PDB file of N, CA and C in Angstrom:
ATOM      1  N   MET A   1      66.475 342.509 123.062  1.00  0.00           N
ATOM      2  CA  MET A   1      66.625 343.442 124.161  1.00  0.00           C
ATOM      3  C   MET A   1      65.532 344.497 124.064  1.00  0.00           C
ATOM      4  N   LEU A   2      64.852 344.756 125.153  1.00  0.00           N
ATOM      5  CA  LEU A   2      63.826 345.790 125.186  1.00  0.00           C
ATOM      6  C   LEU A   2      64.497 347.151 125.324  1.00  0.00           C
ATOM      7  N   THR A   3      64.000 348.132 124.572  1.00  0.00           N
ATOM      8  CA  THR A   3      64.660 349.442 124.592  1.00  0.00           C
ATOM      9  C   THR A   3      63.753 350.608 124.935  1.00  0.00           C
ATOM     10  N   ASP A   4      62.449 350.445 124.842  1.00  0.00           N
ATOM     11  CA  ASP A   4      61.558 351.580 125.042  1.00  0.00           C
ATOM     12  C   ASP A   4      60.143 351.069 125.210  1.00  0.00           C
ATOM     13  N   ILE A   5      59.275 351.917 125.739  1.00  0.00           N
ATOM     14  CA  ILE A   5      57.852 351.592 125.816  1.00  0.00           C
ATOM     15  C   ILE A   5      57.060 352.850 125.491  1.00  0.00           C
ATOM     16  N   ASN A   6      56.035 352.688 124.678  1.00  0.00           N
ATOM     17  CA  ASN A   6      55.176 353.797 124.281  1.00  0.00           C
ATOM     18  C   ASN A   6      53.732 353.404 124.562  1.00  0.00           C
ATOM     19  N   PRO A   7      53.172 353.888 125.661  1.00  0.00           N
ATOM     20  CA  PRO A   7      51.801 353.508 125.997  1.00  0.00           C
ATOM     21  C   PRO A   7      50.812 353.997 124.946  1.00  0.00           C
ATOM     22  N   LYS A   8      49.751 353.207 124.761  1.00  0.00           N
ATOM     23  CA  LYS A   8      48.650 353.570 123.872  1.00  0.00           C
ATOM     24  C   LYS A   8      47.409 353.731 124.734  1.00  0.00           C
ATOM     25  N   LEU A   9      46.834 354.919 124.697  1.00  0.00           N
ATOM     26  CA  LEU A   9      45.671 355.242 125.512  1.00  0.00           C
ATOM     27  C   LEU A   9      44.487 355.592 124.626  1.00  0.00           C
ATOM     28  N   PRO A  10      43.273 355.381 125.108  1.00  0.00           N
ATOM     29  CA  PRO A  10      42.096 355.729 124.315  1.00  0.00           C
ATOM     30  C   PRO A  10      41.814 357.230 124.336  1.00  0.00           C
ATOM     31  N   MET A  11      41.233 357.703 123.238  1.00  0.00           N
ATOM     32  CA  MET A  11      40.782 359.104 123.154  1.00  0.00           C
ATOM     33  C   MET A  11      39.445 359.129 122.418  1.00  0.00           C
ATOM     34  N   ARG A  12      38.587 360.036 122.814  1.00  0.00           N
ATOM     35  CA  ARG A  12      37.302 360.192 122.121  1.00  0.00           C
ATOM     36  C   ARG A  12      37.411 361.167 120.967  1.00  0.00           C
ATOM     37  N   ASP A  13      38.187 362.236 121.153  1.00  0.00           N
ATOM     38  CA  ASP A  13      38.250 363.315 120.175  1.00  0.00           C
ATOM     39  C   ASP A  13      39.715 363.719 119.990  1.00  0.00           C
ATOM     40  N   LYS A  14      40.243 363.446 118.821  1.00  0.00           N
ATOM     41  CA  LYS A  14      41.661 363.694 118.544  1.00  0.00           C
ATOM     42  C   LYS A  14      42.035 365.166 118.735  1.00  0.00           C
ATOM     43  N   ALA A  15      41.207 366.083 118.289  1.00  0.00           N
ATOM     44  CA  ALA A  15      41.514 367.515 118.411  1.00  0.00           C
ATOM     45  C   ALA A  15      41.595 367.934 119.871  1.00  0.00           C
ATOM     46  N   VAL A  16      40.692 367.437 120.697  1.00  0.00           N
ATOM     47  CA  VAL A  16      40.690 367.766 122.120  1.00  0.00           C
ATOM     48  C   VAL A  16      41.929 367.190 122.800  1.00  0.00           C
ATOM     49  N   THR A  17      42.245 365.938 122.479  1.00  0.00           N
ATOM     50  CA  THR A  17      43.420 365.293 123.069  1.00  0.00           C
ATOM     51  C   THR A  17      44.696 366.004 122.641  1.00  0.00           C
ATOM     52  N   ARG A  18      44.814 366.308 121.371  1.00  0.00           N
ATOM     53  CA  ARG A  18      45.995 367.012 120.863  1.00  0.00           C
ATOM     54  C   ARG A  18      46.150 368.365 121.566  1.00  0.00           C
ATOM     55  N   ASP A  19      45.061 369.102 121.669  1.00  0.00           N
ATOM     56  CA  ASP A  19      45.105 370.405 122.317  1.00  0.00           C
ATOM     57  C   ASP A  19      45.562 370.291 123.772  1.00  0.00           C
ATOM     58  N   PHE A  20      45.035 369.328 124.490  1.00  0.00           N
ATOM     59  CA  PHE A  20      45.390 369.156 125.902  1.00  0.00           C
ATOM     60  C   PHE A  20      46.883 368.868 126.065  1.00  0.00           C
ATOM     61  N   TYR A  21      47.381 367.897 125.335  1.00  0.00           N
ATOM     62  CA  TYR A  21      48.779 367.493 125.508  1.00  0.00           C
ATOM     63  C   TYR A  21      49.761 368.539 124.967  1.00  0.00           C
ATOM     64  N   ILE A  22      49.424 369.176 123.871  1.00  0.00           N
ATOM     65  CA  ILE A  22      50.342 370.158 123.288  1.00  0.00           C
ATOM     66  C   ILE A  22      50.239 371.506 124.000  1.00  0.00           C
ATOM     67  N   ASN A  23      49.047 372.017 124.159  1.00  0.00           N
ATOM     68  CA  ASN A  23      48.892 373.367 124.705  1.00  0.00           C
ATOM     69  C   ASN A  23      48.867 373.447 126.227  1.00  0.00           C
ATOM     70  N   LYS A  24      48.534 372.365 126.894  1.00  0.00           N
ATOM     71  CA  LYS A  24      48.513 372.380 128.362  1.00  0.00           C
ATOM     72  C   LYS A  24      49.782 371.783 128.966  1.00  0.00           C
ATOM     73  N   LEU A  25      50.292 370.693 128.358  1.00  0.00           N
ATOM     74  CA  LEU A  25      51.401 369.969 128.965  1.00  0.00           C
ATOM     75  C   LEU A  25      52.731 370.133 128.229  1.00  0.00           C
ATOM     76  N   GLY A  26      52.731 370.830 127.103  1.00  0.00           N
ATOM     77  CA  GLY A  26      53.988 371.096 126.415  1.00  0.00           C
ATOM     78  C   GLY A  26      54.533 369.969 125.566  1.00  0.00           C
ATOM     79  N   PHE A  27      53.698 369.000 125.218  1.00  0.00           N
ATOM     80  CA  PHE A  27      54.121 367.948 124.293  1.00  0.00           C
ATOM     81  C   PHE A  27      54.128 368.528 122.886  1.00  0.00           C
ATOM     82  N   ARG A  28      54.647 367.768 121.931  1.00  0.00           N
ATOM     83  CA  ARG A  28      54.600 368.161 120.526  1.00  0.00           C
ATOM     84  C   ARG A  28      54.147 366.969 119.696  1.00  0.00           C
ATOM     85  N   ASN A  29      53.607 367.262 118.515  1.00  0.00           N
ATOM     86  CA  ASN A  29      53.229 366.182 117.606  1.00  0.00           C
ATOM     87  C   ASN A  29      54.455 365.370 117.249  1.00  0.00           C
ATOM     88  N   LEU A  30      54.287 364.081 117.116  1.00  0.00           N
ATOM     89  CA  LEU A  30      55.364 363.187 116.711  1.00  0.00           C
ATOM     90  C   LEU A  30      55.095 362.729 115.292  1.00  0.00           C
ATOM     91  N   GLY A  31      56.053 362.898 114.438  1.00  0.00           N
ATOM     92  CA  GLY A  31      55.914 362.474 113.049  1.00  0.00           C
ATOM     93  C   GLY A  31      55.313 363.555 112.183  1.00  0.00           C
ATOM     94  N   SER A  32      55.405 363.322 110.898  1.00  0.00           N
ATOM     95  CA  SER A  32      54.912 364.309 109.937  1.00  0.00           C
ATOM     96  C   SER A  32      53.610 363.881 109.265  1.00  0.00           C
ATOM     97  N   VAL A  33      53.139 362.683 109.582  1.00  0.00           N
ATOM     98  CA  VAL A  33      51.899 362.177 108.986  1.00  0.00           C
ATOM     99  C   VAL A  33      50.794 362.238 110.027  1.00  0.00           C
ATOM    100  N   ASP A  34      49.622 362.722 109.607  1.00  0.00           N
ATOM    101  CA  ASP A  34      48.467 362.788 110.492  1.00  0.00           C
ATOM    102  C   ASP A  34      47.581 361.584 110.206  1.00  0.00           C
ATOM    103  N   TYR A  35      47.690 360.550 111.030  1.00  0.00           N
ATOM    104  CA  TYR A  35      46.926 359.320 110.830  1.00  0.00           C
ATOM    105  C   TYR A  35      45.495 359.483 111.337  1.00  0.00           C
ATOM    106  N   ASP A  36      44.550 359.011 110.555  1.00  0.00           N
ATOM    107  CA  ASP A  36      43.150 359.056 110.945  1.00  0.00           C
ATOM    108  C   ASP A  36      42.934 358.180 112.175  1.00  0.00           C
ATOM    109  N   GLY A  37      42.362 358.738 113.224  1.00  0.00           N
ATOM    110  CA  GLY A  37      42.037 357.957 114.407  1.00  0.00           C
ATOM    111  C   GLY A  37      43.215 357.598 115.285  1.00  0.00           C
ATOM    112  N   TYR A  38      44.368 358.200 115.044  1.00  0.00           N
ATOM    113  CA  TYR A  38      45.568 357.872 115.825  1.00  0.00           C
ATOM    114  C   TYR A  38      46.374 359.141 116.048  1.00  0.00           C
ATOM    115  N   LEU A  39      46.940 359.283 117.237  1.00  0.00           N
ATOM    116  CA  LEU A  39      47.718 360.463 117.587  1.00  0.00           C
ATOM    117  C   LEU A  39      48.966 360.029 118.333  1.00  0.00           C
ATOM    118  N   MET A  40      50.090 360.641 118.009  1.00  0.00           N
ATOM    119  CA  MET A  40      51.336 360.388 118.717  1.00  0.00           C
ATOM    120  C   MET A  40      51.910 361.734 119.156  1.00  0.00           C
ATOM    121  N   VAL A  41      52.239 361.837 120.449  1.00  0.00           N
ATOM    122  CA  VAL A  41      52.856 363.047 120.977  1.00  0.00           C
ATOM    123  C   VAL A  41      54.115 362.652 121.737  1.00  0.00           C
ATOM    124  N   GLU A  42      55.020 363.626 121.876  1.00  0.00           N
ATOM    125  CA  GLU A  42      56.221 363.350 122.652  1.00  0.00           C
ATOM    126  C   GLU A  42      56.660 364.590 123.409  1.00  0.00           C
ATOM    127  N   LYS A  43      57.377 364.345 124.473  1.00  0.00           N
ATOM    128  CA  LYS A  43      57.985 365.398 125.284  1.00  0.00           C
ATOM    129  C   LYS A  43      59.252 364.800 125.866  1.00  0.00           C
ATOM    130  N   ASP A  44      60.349 365.523 125.672  1.00  0.00           N
ATOM    131  CA  ASP A  44      61.641 365.038 126.139  1.00  0.00           C
ATOM    132  C   ASP A  44      61.888 363.642 125.571  1.00  0.00           C
ATOM    133  N   ASN A  45      62.018 362.633 126.432  1.00  0.00           N
ATOM    134  CA  ASN A  45      62.341 361.287 125.957  1.00  0.00           C
ATOM    135  C   ASN A  45      61.170 360.316 125.993  1.00  0.00           C
ATOM    136  N   ILE A  46      59.942 360.830 126.105  1.00  0.00           N
ATOM    137  CA  ILE A  46      58.815 359.903 126.137  1.00  0.00           C
ATOM    138  C   ILE A  46      57.830 360.188 125.005  1.00  0.00           C
ATOM    139  N   GLN A  47      57.146 359.137 124.622  1.00  0.00           N
ATOM    140  CA  GLN A  47      56.065 359.220 123.640  1.00  0.00           C
ATOM    141  C   GLN A  47      54.811 358.635 124.273  1.00  0.00           C
ATOM    142  N   ILE A  48      53.680 359.221 123.931  1.00  0.00           N
ATOM    143  CA  ILE A  48      52.388 358.628 124.269  1.00  0.00           C
ATOM    144  C   ILE A  48      51.591 358.560 122.978  1.00  0.00           C
ATOM    145  N   HIS A  49      51.006 357.401 122.724  1.00  0.00           N
ATOM    146  CA  HIS A  49      50.181 357.199 121.540  1.00  0.00           C
ATOM    147  C   HIS A  49      48.727 357.087 121.990  1.00  0.00           C
ATOM    148  N   PHE A  50      47.821 357.510 121.119  1.00  0.00           N
ATOM    149  CA  PHE A  50      46.388 357.472 121.405  1.00  0.00           C
ATOM    150  C   PHE A  50      45.654 356.854 120.224  1.00  0.00           C
ATOM    151  N   PHE A  51      44.673 356.043 120.524  1.00  0.00           N
ATOM    152  CA  PHE A  51      43.809 355.462 119.493  1.00  0.00           C
ATOM    153  C   PHE A  51      42.398 355.971 119.708  1.00  0.00           C
ATOM    154  N   GLU A  52      41.693 356.181 118.611  1.00  0.00           N
ATOM    155  CA  GLU A  52      40.333 356.696 118.681  1.00  0.00           C
ATOM    156  C   GLU A  52      39.384 355.636 119.231  1.00  0.00           C
ATOM    157  N   PHE A  53      38.597 356.051 120.205  1.00  0.00           N
ATOM    158  CA  PHE A  53      37.578 355.207 120.824  1.00  0.00           C
ATOM    159  C   PHE A  53      36.416 356.133 121.165  1.00  0.00           C
ATOM    160  N   LYS A  54      35.615 356.450 120.140  1.00  0.00           N
ATOM    161  CA  LYS A  54      34.552 357.445 120.275  1.00  0.00           C
ATOM    162  C   LYS A  54      33.509 357.066 121.329  1.00  0.00           C
ATOM    163  N   GLU A  55      33.305 355.778 121.557  1.00  0.00           N
ATOM    164  CA  GLU A  55      32.288 355.330 122.510  1.00  0.00           C
ATOM    165  C   GLU A  55      32.815 355.270 123.939  1.00  0.00           C
ATOM    166  N   LEU A  56      34.038 355.667 124.170  1.00  0.00           N
ATOM    167  CA  LEU A  56      34.642 355.602 125.500  1.00  0.00           C
ATOM    168  C   LEU A  56      33.813 356.392 126.505  1.00  0.00           C
ATOM    169  N   ASP A  57      33.515 355.781 127.617  1.00  0.00           N
ATOM    170  CA  ASP A  57      32.874 356.470 128.734  1.00  0.00           C
ATOM    171  C   ASP A  57      33.982 356.818 129.720  1.00  0.00           C
ATOM    172  N   PRO A  58      34.334 358.109 129.853  1.00  0.00           N
ATOM    173  CA  PRO A  58      35.436 358.490 130.742  1.00  0.00           C
ATOM    174  C   PRO A  58      35.271 357.989 132.175  1.00  0.00           C
ATOM    175  N   LYS A  59      34.042 357.800 132.621  1.00  0.00           N
ATOM    176  CA  LYS A  59      33.810 357.295 133.975  1.00  0.00           C
ATOM    177  C   LYS A  59      34.215 355.829 134.113  1.00  0.00           C
ATOM    178  N   GLU A  60      34.380 355.141 132.981  1.00  0.00           N
ATOM    179  CA  GLU A  60      34.752 353.727 132.998  1.00  0.00           C
ATOM    180  C   GLU A  60      36.142 353.493 132.404  1.00  0.00           C
ATOM    181  N   ASN A  61      36.904 354.548 132.205  1.00  0.00           N
ATOM    182  CA  ASN A  61      38.240 354.415 131.621  1.00  0.00           C
ATOM    183  C   ASN A  61      39.263 354.171 132.723  1.00  0.00           C
ATOM    184  N   TYR A  62      40.073 353.141 132.538  1.00  0.00           N
ATOM    185  CA  TYR A  62      41.109 352.809 133.508  1.00  0.00           C
ATOM    186  C   TYR A  62      42.509 352.962 132.926  1.00  0.00           C
ATOM    187  N   GLY A  63      42.647 353.741 131.823  1.00  0.00           N
ATOM    188  CA  GLY A  63      43.960 353.977 131.237  1.00  0.00           C
ATOM    189  C   GLY A  63      44.858 354.716 132.220  1.00  0.00           C
ATOM    190  N   GLN A  64      46.054 354.181 132.424  1.00  0.00           N
ATOM    191  CA  GLN A  64      46.991 354.785 133.370  1.00  0.00           C
ATOM    192  C   GLN A  64      48.411 354.662 132.856  1.00  0.00           C
ATOM    193  N   VAL A  65      49.219 355.685 133.137  1.00  0.00           N
ATOM    194  CA  VAL A  65      50.638 355.671 132.789  1.00  0.00           C
ATOM    195  C   VAL A  65      51.396 356.304 133.950  1.00  0.00           C
ATOM    196  N   TYR A  66      52.511 355.692 134.320  1.00  0.00           N
ATOM    197  CA  TYR A  66      53.410 356.268 135.325  1.00  0.00           C
ATOM    198  C   TYR A  66      54.627 356.787 134.586  1.00  0.00           C
ATOM    199  N   ILE A  67      54.916 358.071 134.746  1.00  0.00           N
ATOM    200  CA  ILE A  67      56.012 358.715 134.015  1.00  0.00           C
ATOM    201  C   ILE A  67      57.031 359.224 135.023  1.00  0.00           C
ATOM    202  N   ARG A  68      58.245 358.753 134.902  1.00  0.00           N
ATOM    203  CA  ARG A  68      59.320 359.221 135.778  1.00  0.00           C
ATOM    204  C   ARG A  68      59.945 360.483 135.186  1.00  0.00           C
ATOM    205  N   THR A  69      60.357 361.368 136.083  1.00  0.00           N
ATOM    206  CA  THR A  69      60.974 362.621 135.674  1.00  0.00           C
ATOM    207  C   THR A  69      62.159 362.917 136.578  1.00  0.00           C
ATOM    208  N   ASP A  70      63.056 363.767 136.109  1.00  0.00           N
ATOM    209  CA  ASP A  70      64.166 364.199 136.958  1.00  0.00           C
ATOM    210  C   ASP A  70      63.998 365.666 137.375  1.00  0.00           C
ATOM    211  N   ASP A  71      62.823 366.245 137.071  1.00  0.00           N
ATOM    212  CA  ASP A  71      62.533 367.631 137.459  1.00  0.00           C
ATOM    213  C   ASP A  71      61.038 367.776 137.719  1.00  0.00           C
ATOM    214  N   ILE A  72      60.565 367.062 138.724  1.00  0.00           N
ATOM    215  CA  ILE A  72      59.127 367.035 138.989  1.00  0.00           C
ATOM    216  C   ILE A  72      58.591 368.404 139.390  1.00  0.00           C
ATOM    217  N   GLU A  73      59.383 369.182 140.080  1.00  0.00           N
ATOM    218  CA  GLU A  73      58.916 370.488 140.541  1.00  0.00           C
ATOM    219  C   GLU A  73      58.538 371.395 139.369  1.00  0.00           C
ATOM    220  N   SER A  74      59.383 371.443 138.338  1.00  0.00           N
ATOM    221  CA  SER A  74      59.089 372.288 137.169  1.00  0.00           C
ATOM    222  C   SER A  74      57.843 371.808 136.435  1.00  0.00           C
ATOM    223  N   PHE A  75      57.729 370.492 136.239  1.00  0.00           N
ATOM    224  CA  PHE A  75      56.564 369.985 135.518  1.00  0.00           C
ATOM    225  C   PHE A  75      55.299 370.171 136.354  1.00  0.00           C
ATOM    226  N   TYR A  76      55.412 370.006 137.655  1.00  0.00           N
ATOM    227  CA  TYR A  76      54.279 370.235 138.543  1.00  0.00           C
ATOM    228  C   TYR A  76      53.807 371.688 138.438  1.00  0.00           C
ATOM    229  N   GLN A  77      54.743 372.626 138.433  1.00  0.00           N
ATOM    230  CA  GLN A  77      54.388 374.046 138.332  1.00  0.00           C
ATOM    231  C   GLN A  77      53.698 374.337 136.996  1.00  0.00           C
ATOM    232  N   LEU A  78      54.188 373.738 135.912  1.00  0.00           N
ATOM    233  CA  LEU A  78      53.538 373.902 134.602  1.00  0.00           C
ATOM    234  C   LEU A  78      52.106 373.378 134.647  1.00  0.00           C
ATOM    235  N   ALA A  79      51.924 372.182 135.168  1.00  0.00           N
ATOM    236  CA  ALA A  79      50.589 371.576 135.237  1.00  0.00           C
ATOM    237  C   ALA A  79      49.668 372.387 136.141  1.00  0.00           C
ATOM    238  N   LYS A  80      50.213 372.887 137.226  1.00  0.00           N
ATOM    239  CA  LYS A  80      49.409 373.700 138.146  1.00  0.00           C
ATOM    240  C   LYS A  80      48.989 375.006 137.478  1.00  0.00           C
ATOM    241  N   LEU A  81      49.907 375.627 136.758  1.00  0.00           N
ATOM    242  CA  LEU A  81      49.607 376.853 136.025  1.00  0.00           C
ATOM    243  C   LEU A  81      48.497 376.620 134.996  1.00  0.00           C
ATOM    244  N   GLN A  82      48.486 375.452 134.380  1.00  0.00           N
ATOM    245  CA  GLN A  82      47.466 375.103 133.384  1.00  0.00           C
ATOM    246  C   GLN A  82      46.176 374.588 134.022  1.00  0.00           C
ATOM    247  N   ASN A  83      46.173 374.483 135.355  1.00  0.00           N
ATOM    248  CA  ASN A  83      44.987 374.045 136.095  1.00  0.00           C
ATOM    249  C   ASN A  83      44.530 372.643 135.695  1.00  0.00           C
ATOM    250  N   VAL A  84      45.486 371.720 135.588  1.00  0.00           N
ATOM    251  CA  VAL A  84      45.160 370.348 135.203  1.00  0.00           C
ATOM    252  C   VAL A  84      45.553 369.325 136.274  1.00  0.00           C
ATOM    253  N   ILE A  85      45.901 369.781 137.461  1.00  0.00           N
ATOM    254  CA  ILE A  85      46.340 368.896 138.545  1.00  0.00           C
ATOM    255  C   ILE A  85      45.158 368.127 139.118  1.00  0.00           C
ATOM    256  N   SER A  86      45.317 366.815 139.294  1.00  0.00           N
ATOM    257  CA  SER A  86      44.297 366.003 139.960  1.00  0.00           C
ATOM    258  C   SER A  86      44.576 365.855 141.445  1.00  0.00           C
ATOM    259  N   ASN A  87      45.850 365.863 141.816  1.00  0.00           N
ATOM    260  CA  ASN A  87      46.214 365.843 143.228  1.00  0.00           C
ATOM    261  C   ASN A  87      47.539 366.574 143.411  1.00  0.00           C
ATOM    262  N   GLU A  88      47.763 367.053 144.611  1.00  0.00           N
ATOM    263  CA  GLU A  88      48.958 367.838 144.907  1.00  0.00           C
ATOM    264  C   GLU A  88      50.213 366.968 144.911  1.00  0.00           C
ATOM    265  N   LEU A  89      51.348 367.600 144.763  1.00  0.00           N
ATOM    266  CA  LEU A  89      52.640 366.932 144.825  1.00  0.00           C
ATOM    267  C   LEU A  89      52.843 366.386 146.234  1.00  0.00           C
ATOM    268  N   GLU A  90      53.114 365.085 146.333  1.00  0.00           N
ATOM    269  CA  GLU A  90      53.225 364.422 147.635  1.00  0.00           C
ATOM    270  C   GLU A  90      54.490 363.581 147.714  1.00  0.00           C
ATOM    271  N   HIS A  91      54.997 363.417 148.922  1.00  0.00           N
ATOM    272  CA  HIS A  91      56.068 362.456 149.192  1.00  0.00           C
ATOM    273  C   HIS A  91      55.400 361.129 149.538  1.00  0.00           C
ATOM    274  N   LYS A  92      55.706 360.097 148.778  1.00  0.00           N
ATOM    275  CA  LYS A  92      55.094 358.791 148.989  1.00  0.00           C
ATOM    276  C   LYS A  92      56.034 357.883 149.791  1.00  0.00           C
ATOM    277  N   PRO A  93      55.494 356.886 150.500  1.00  0.00           N
ATOM    278  CA  PRO A  93      56.332 355.985 151.290  1.00  0.00           C
ATOM    279  C   PRO A  93      57.312 355.173 150.444  1.00  0.00           C
ATOM    280  N   TRP A  94      57.053 355.050 149.159  1.00  0.00           N
ATOM    281  CA  TRP A  94      57.948 354.289 148.278  1.00  0.00           C
ATOM    282  C   TRP A  94      59.047 355.172 147.685  1.00  0.00           C
ATOM    283  N   MET A  95      59.330 356.290 148.386  1.00  0.00           N
ATOM    284  CA  MET A  95      60.454 357.170 148.071  1.00  0.00           C
ATOM    285  C   MET A  95      60.311 357.898 146.738  1.00  0.00           C
ATOM    286  N   GLN A  96      59.099 358.278 146.435  1.00  0.00           N
ATOM    287  CA  GLN A  96      58.818 359.055 145.228  1.00  0.00           C
ATOM    288  C   GLN A  96      58.065 360.317 145.614  1.00  0.00           C
ATOM    289  N   ARG A  97      58.332 361.398 144.904  1.00  0.00           N
ATOM    290  CA  ARG A  97      57.480 362.584 144.935  1.00  0.00           C
ATOM    291  C   ARG A  97      56.572 362.433 143.729  1.00  0.00           C
ATOM    292  N   GLU A  98      55.270 362.544 143.916  1.00  0.00           N
ATOM    293  CA  GLU A  98      54.319 362.260 142.842  1.00  0.00           C
ATOM    294  C   GLU A  98      53.162 363.251 142.826  1.00  0.00           C
ATOM    295  N   PHE A  99      52.611 363.425 141.611  1.00  0.00           N
ATOM    296  CA  PHE A  99      51.321 364.079 141.434  1.00  0.00           C
ATOM    297  C   PHE A  99      50.690 363.462 140.198  1.00  0.00           C
ATOM    298  N   SER A 100      49.391 363.683 140.039  1.00  0.00           N
ATOM    299  CA  SER A 100      48.666 363.081 138.927  1.00  0.00           C
ATOM    300  C   SER A 100      47.831 364.099 138.171  1.00  0.00           C
ATOM    301  N   ILE A 101      47.534 363.729 136.931  1.00  0.00           N
ATOM    302  CA  ILE A 101      46.692 364.515 136.032  1.00  0.00           C
ATOM    303  C   ILE A 101      45.699 363.552 135.390  1.00  0.00           C
ATOM    304  N   LEU A 102      44.472 363.981 135.246  1.00  0.00           N
ATOM    305  CA  LEU A 102      43.492 363.254 134.430  1.00  0.00           C
ATOM    306  C   LEU A 102      43.336 364.022 133.130  1.00  0.00           C
ATOM    307  N   ASP A 103      43.499 363.345 132.008  1.00  0.00           N
ATOM    308  CA  ASP A 103      43.322 364.027 130.727  1.00  0.00           C
ATOM    309  C   ASP A 103      41.829 364.095 130.395  1.00  0.00           C
ATOM    310  N   PRO A 104      41.446 364.681 129.268  1.00  0.00           N
ATOM    311  CA  PRO A 104      40.012 364.848 128.956  1.00  0.00           C
ATOM    312  C   PRO A 104      39.227 363.534 128.867  1.00  0.00           C
ATOM    313  N   ASP A 105      39.920 362.408 128.698  1.00  0.00           N
ATOM    314  CA  ASP A 105      39.243 361.112 128.615  1.00  0.00           C
ATOM    315  C   ASP A 105      39.412 360.283 129.882  1.00  0.00           C
ATOM    316  N   SER A 106      39.894 360.920 130.940  1.00  0.00           N
ATOM    317  CA  SER A 106      40.133 360.291 132.245  1.00  0.00           C
ATOM    318  C   SER A 106      41.258 359.268 132.229  1.00  0.00           C
ATOM    319  N   ASN A 107      42.207 359.414 131.289  1.00  0.00           N
ATOM    320  CA  ASN A 107      43.443 358.656 131.389  1.00  0.00           C
ATOM    321  C   ASN A 107      44.247 359.282 132.524  1.00  0.00           C
ATOM    322  N   LEU A 108      44.716 358.453 133.442  1.00  0.00           N
ATOM    323  CA  LEU A 108      45.462 358.942 134.599  1.00  0.00           C
ATOM    324  C   LEU A 108      46.957 358.942 134.287  1.00  0.00           C
ATOM    325  N   LEU A 109      47.566 360.119 134.374  1.00  0.00           N
ATOM    326  CA  LEU A 109      49.010 360.260 134.205  1.00  0.00           C
ATOM    327  C   LEU A 109      49.590 360.580 135.574  1.00  0.00           C
ATOM    328  N   THR A 110      50.424 359.718 136.098  1.00  0.00           N
ATOM    329  CA  THR A 110      51.094 359.976 137.365  1.00  0.00           C
ATOM    330  C   THR A 110      52.558 360.244 137.070  1.00  0.00           C
ATOM    331  N   PHE A 111      53.061 361.332 137.627  1.00  0.00           N
ATOM    332  CA  PHE A 111      54.444 361.742 137.431  1.00  0.00           C
ATOM    333  C   PHE A 111      55.185 361.530 138.739  1.00  0.00           C
ATOM    334  N   GLY A 112      56.367 360.924 138.663  1.00  0.00           N
ATOM    335  CA  GLY A 112      57.112 360.642 139.873  1.00  0.00           C
ATOM    336  C   GLY A 112      58.602 360.893 139.719  1.00  0.00           C
ATOM    337  N   GLN A 113      59.214 361.270 140.849  1.00  0.00           N
ATOM    338  CA  GLN A 113      60.667 361.455 140.916  1.00  0.00           C
ATOM    339  C   GLN A 113      61.156 360.876 142.238  1.00  0.00           C
ATOM    340  N   SER A 114      62.223 360.096 142.182  1.00  0.00           N
ATOM    341  CA  SER A 114      62.818 359.541 143.399  1.00  0.00           C
ATOM    342  C   SER A 114      63.374 360.665 144.255  1.00  0.00           C
ATOM    343  N   PHE A 115      63.271 360.509 145.576  1.00  0.00           N
ATOM    344  CA  PHE A 115      63.829 361.516 146.464  1.00  0.00           C
ATOM    345  C   PHE A 115      64.806 360.930 147.473  1.00  0.00           C
ATOM    346  N   PHE A 116      65.319 359.757 147.206  1.00  0.00           N
ATOM    347  CA  PHE A 116      66.327 359.201 148.115  1.00  0.00           C
ATOM    348  C   PHE A 116      67.705 359.457 147.609  1.00  0.00           C
TER     349      PHE A 116
END
């Protein structure tokens, strides 16, 4: 039985990625061991893992994650306050309210909440 999914996204610089997710988006470090070239963060009930890819060209990165939330307005306001919004909060035809963020390596994080 499948129970969870933890996306793994590329990062060029662990310190920059850690700073963005912890200080801008309110995630926290996951675990007590600091693995070389690997980062794990979590917020609420989700985890995102990152692997070091120093040669990554952000213009050619297609890393994407869709994250569902039950309080999109609060998270949107946090992201807006941190000036990390890629697009405004929108009502989509597929019955979701969504907005997106690009992290420092151009990984696309889309946040969505059902509105039906």
